[in-house]
Amino acid sequence: MKNDLYAAIESYFGIKQYIPEKTDFSTISDAYVKQVENKLNNRPRKWHKYQSPIFVMNQLLFELRNQKVAFAT
């Protein structure tokens, strides 16, 4: 069950495209991890109506910042 979950997550995010299975992470530089992170966060997703996750997150944060909040006393 646990391995199935990890496989599904790897498949969804596309990590295997950049980092093959059974890779020793001590051989991967921080710069490369950041590069992969940037590519994955900017890749459009069908789930988000073909917008990138970073765009969706920024949109949500913008909406939250501009909401009027009523304070209860």
N, C-alpha and C. Protein backbone atom coordinates (compact mmCIF):
# COMPACT_ATOMS: atom_id res chain seq x y z
N MET A 1 0.83 -1.20 0.00
CA MET A 1 0.00 0.00 0.00
C MET A 1 0.87 1.26 0.00
N LYS A 2 1.84 1.29 0.88
CA LYS A 2 2.71 2.46 0.99
C LYS A 2 3.49 2.67 -0.30
N ASN A 3 4.01 1.60 -0.89
CA ASN A 3 4.76 1.72 -2.13
C ASN A 3 3.86 2.19 -3.28
N ASP A 4 2.60 1.75 -3.28
CA ASP A 4 1.66 2.19 -4.31
C ASP A 4 1.43 3.69 -4.22
N LEU A 5 1.33 4.20 -3.01
CA LEU A 5 1.13 5.63 -2.81
C LEU A 5 2.34 6.41 -3.33
N TYR A 6 3.53 5.97 -2.97
CA TYR A 6 4.74 6.65 -3.44
C TYR A 6 4.82 6.61 -4.97
N ALA A 7 4.49 5.49 -5.56
CA ALA A 7 4.52 5.36 -7.03
C ALA A 7 3.53 6.31 -7.67
N ALA A 8 2.35 6.44 -7.08
CA ALA A 8 1.33 7.34 -7.61
C ALA A 8 1.79 8.79 -7.52
N ILE A 9 2.40 9.15 -6.40
CA ILE A 9 2.90 10.52 -6.23
C ILE A 9 4.02 10.81 -7.22
N GLU A 10 4.97 9.88 -7.35
CA GLU A 10 6.06 10.06 -8.30
C GLU A 10 5.53 10.20 -9.72
N SER A 11 4.56 9.39 -10.05
CA SER A 11 3.98 9.42 -11.39
C SER A 11 3.25 10.73 -11.64
N TYR A 12 2.46 11.18 -10.66
CA TYR A 12 1.68 12.41 -10.82
C TYR A 12 2.59 13.61 -11.01
N PHE A 13 3.59 13.72 -10.20
CA PHE A 13 4.46 14.89 -10.27
C PHE A 13 5.51 14.80 -11.36
N GLY A 14 5.75 13.63 -11.89
CA GLY A 14 6.71 13.49 -12.98
C GLY A 14 8.16 13.50 -12.51
N ILE A 15 8.38 13.15 -11.28
CA ILE A 15 9.74 13.19 -10.72
C ILE A 15 10.66 12.20 -11.42
N LYS A 16 10.11 11.04 -11.79
CA LYS A 16 10.93 10.00 -12.44
C LYS A 16 11.55 10.50 -13.74
N GLN A 17 10.94 11.47 -14.36
CA GLN A 17 11.48 12.04 -15.60
C GLN A 17 12.85 12.68 -15.35
N TYR A 18 13.05 13.20 -14.16
CA TYR A 18 14.28 13.92 -13.84
C TYR A 18 15.21 13.13 -12.93
N ILE A 19 14.62 12.33 -12.03
CA ILE A 19 15.42 11.56 -11.08
C ILE A 19 14.94 10.11 -11.14
N PRO A 20 15.72 9.22 -11.75
CA PRO A 20 15.31 7.82 -11.88
C PRO A 20 15.16 7.13 -10.52
N GLU A 21 14.41 6.03 -10.54
CA GLU A 21 14.24 5.24 -9.32
C GLU A 21 15.59 4.77 -8.80
N LYS A 22 15.64 4.58 -7.50
CA LYS A 22 16.83 4.06 -6.81
C LYS A 22 18.05 4.94 -6.98
N THR A 23 17.84 6.23 -7.22
CA THR A 23 18.94 7.17 -7.32
C THR A 23 19.44 7.50 -5.92
N ASP A 24 20.74 7.56 -5.75
CA ASP A 24 21.34 7.96 -4.49
C ASP A 24 21.27 9.49 -4.42
N PHE A 25 20.41 10.00 -3.54
CA PHE A 25 20.20 11.44 -3.47
C PHE A 25 21.42 12.22 -3.00
N SER A 26 22.37 11.55 -2.42
CA SER A 26 23.58 12.25 -2.01
C SER A 26 24.42 12.66 -3.22
N THR A 27 24.10 12.11 -4.39
CA THR A 27 24.85 12.46 -5.60
C THR A 27 24.18 13.59 -6.39
N ILE A 28 23.02 14.04 -5.91
CA ILE A 28 22.28 15.08 -6.62
C ILE A 28 22.52 16.42 -5.93
N SER A 29 22.88 17.43 -6.72
CA SER A 29 23.17 18.74 -6.14
C SER A 29 21.88 19.47 -5.78
N ASP A 30 22.00 20.40 -4.84
CA ASP A 30 20.86 21.22 -4.44
C ASP A 30 20.37 22.05 -5.62
N ALA A 31 21.30 22.50 -6.45
CA ALA A 31 20.93 23.31 -7.61
C ALA A 31 20.06 22.50 -8.58
N TYR A 32 20.39 21.23 -8.76
CA TYR A 32 19.59 20.39 -9.66
C TYR A 32 18.20 20.15 -9.08
N VAL A 33 18.12 19.94 -7.77
CA VAL A 33 16.82 19.75 -7.12
C VAL A 33 15.97 21.00 -7.30
N LYS A 34 16.55 22.18 -7.14
CA LYS A 34 15.83 23.44 -7.34
C LYS A 34 15.35 23.58 -8.78
N GLN A 35 16.20 23.16 -9.72
CA GLN A 35 15.85 23.22 -11.14
C GLN A 35 14.64 22.32 -11.43
N VAL A 36 14.65 21.11 -10.91
CA VAL A 36 13.53 20.18 -11.08
C VAL A 36 12.28 20.73 -10.42
N GLU A 37 12.43 21.25 -9.22
CA GLU A 37 11.31 21.84 -8.49
C GLU A 37 10.67 22.97 -9.31
N ASN A 38 11.49 23.82 -9.87
CA ASN A 38 11.00 24.94 -10.68
C ASN A 38 10.25 24.44 -11.92
N LYS A 39 10.81 23.44 -12.58
CA LYS A 39 10.14 22.90 -13.77
C LYS A 39 8.80 22.28 -13.43
N LEU A 40 8.74 21.51 -12.35
CA LEU A 40 7.50 20.84 -11.97
C LEU A 40 6.44 21.84 -11.49
N ASN A 41 6.85 22.86 -10.77
CA ASN A 41 5.90 23.85 -10.27
C ASN A 41 5.37 24.77 -11.37
N ASN A 42 6.07 24.85 -12.48
CA ASN A 42 5.63 25.70 -13.58
C ASN A 42 5.02 24.92 -14.73
N ARG A 43 4.88 23.61 -14.57
CA ARG A 43 4.28 22.76 -15.61
C ARG A 43 2.76 22.83 -15.48
N PRO A 44 2.06 23.20 -16.56
CA PRO A 44 0.59 23.24 -16.50
C PRO A 44 0.01 21.86 -16.19
N ARG A 45 -1.06 21.85 -15.42
CA ARG A 45 -1.72 20.61 -15.02
C ARG A 45 -3.18 20.63 -15.46
N LYS A 46 -3.64 19.51 -15.98
CA LYS A 46 -5.04 19.39 -16.36
C LYS A 46 -5.93 19.63 -15.14
N TRP A 47 -5.50 19.13 -13.98
CA TRP A 47 -6.25 19.26 -12.74
C TRP A 47 -6.54 20.73 -12.42
N HIS A 48 -5.61 21.63 -12.80
CA HIS A 48 -5.76 23.06 -12.53
C HIS A 48 -6.22 23.82 -13.78
N LYS A 49 -6.96 23.13 -14.63
CA LYS A 49 -7.47 23.74 -15.88
C LYS A 49 -6.31 24.27 -16.73
N TYR A 50 -5.26 23.48 -16.80
CA TYR A 50 -4.06 23.75 -17.60
C TYR A 50 -3.31 25.00 -17.16
N GLN A 51 -3.38 25.28 -15.88
CA GLN A 51 -2.56 26.33 -15.30
C GLN A 51 -1.51 25.65 -14.43
N SER A 52 -0.41 26.34 -14.22
CA SER A 52 0.65 25.75 -13.41
C SER A 52 0.30 25.82 -11.93
N PRO A 53 0.84 24.89 -11.13
CA PRO A 53 0.59 24.93 -9.68
C PRO A 53 1.03 26.24 -9.04
N ILE A 54 2.14 26.80 -9.50
CA ILE A 54 2.63 28.04 -8.91
C ILE A 54 1.68 29.20 -9.23
N PHE A 55 1.09 29.19 -10.43
CA PHE A 55 0.12 30.22 -10.80
C PHE A 55 -1.13 30.11 -9.94
N VAL A 56 -1.62 28.88 -9.75
CA VAL A 56 -2.82 28.65 -8.94
C VAL A 56 -2.57 29.09 -7.51
N MET A 57 -1.41 28.75 -6.96
CA MET A 57 -1.08 29.13 -5.59
C MET A 57 -1.01 30.65 -5.45
N ASN A 58 -0.36 31.31 -6.38
CA ASN A 58 -0.27 32.77 -6.33
C ASN A 58 -1.65 33.42 -6.44
N GLN A 59 -2.51 32.84 -7.27
CA GLN A 59 -3.87 33.35 -7.43
C GLN A 59 -4.65 33.22 -6.12
N LEU A 60 -4.54 32.06 -5.47
CA LEU A 60 -5.22 31.85 -4.19
C LEU A 60 -4.71 32.80 -3.11
N LEU A 61 -3.40 32.99 -3.06
CA LEU A 61 -2.83 33.90 -2.06
C LEU A 61 -3.28 35.33 -2.30
N PHE A 62 -3.35 35.73 -3.57
CA PHE A 62 -3.81 37.07 -3.92
C PHE A 62 -5.26 37.27 -3.47
N GLU A 63 -6.10 36.27 -3.73
CA GLU A 63 -7.51 36.35 -3.34
C GLU A 63 -7.65 36.43 -1.82
N LEU A 64 -6.87 35.62 -1.11
CA LEU A 64 -6.93 35.65 0.36
C LEU A 64 -6.49 37.01 0.91
N ARG A 65 -5.47 37.57 0.32
CA ARG A 65 -4.94 38.85 0.77
C ARG A 65 -5.96 39.97 0.58
N ASN A 66 -6.80 39.86 -0.44
CA ASN A 66 -7.75 40.92 -0.76
C ASN A 66 -9.15 40.69 -0.22
N GLN A 67 -9.34 39.63 0.58
CA GLN A 67 -10.65 39.39 1.17
C GLN A 67 -10.90 40.35 2.32
N LYS A 68 -12.14 40.76 2.41
CA LYS A 68 -12.56 41.58 3.55
C LYS A 68 -12.99 40.62 4.66
N VAL A 69 -12.44 40.79 5.82
CA VAL A 69 -12.73 39.89 6.92
C VAL A 69 -13.49 40.68 7.99
N ALA A 70 -14.62 40.14 8.40
CA ALA A 70 -15.39 40.76 9.48
C ALA A 70 -14.91 40.19 10.81
N PHE A 71 -14.62 41.04 11.73
CA PHE A 71 -14.13 40.62 13.03
C PHE A 71 -15.31 40.54 14.00
N ALA A 72 -15.41 39.45 14.72
CA ALA A 72 -16.45 39.31 15.73
C ALA A 72 -15.96 39.92 17.04
N THR A 73 -16.88 40.53 17.76
CA THR A 73 -16.49 41.12 19.04
C THR A 73 -17.11 40.38 20.19
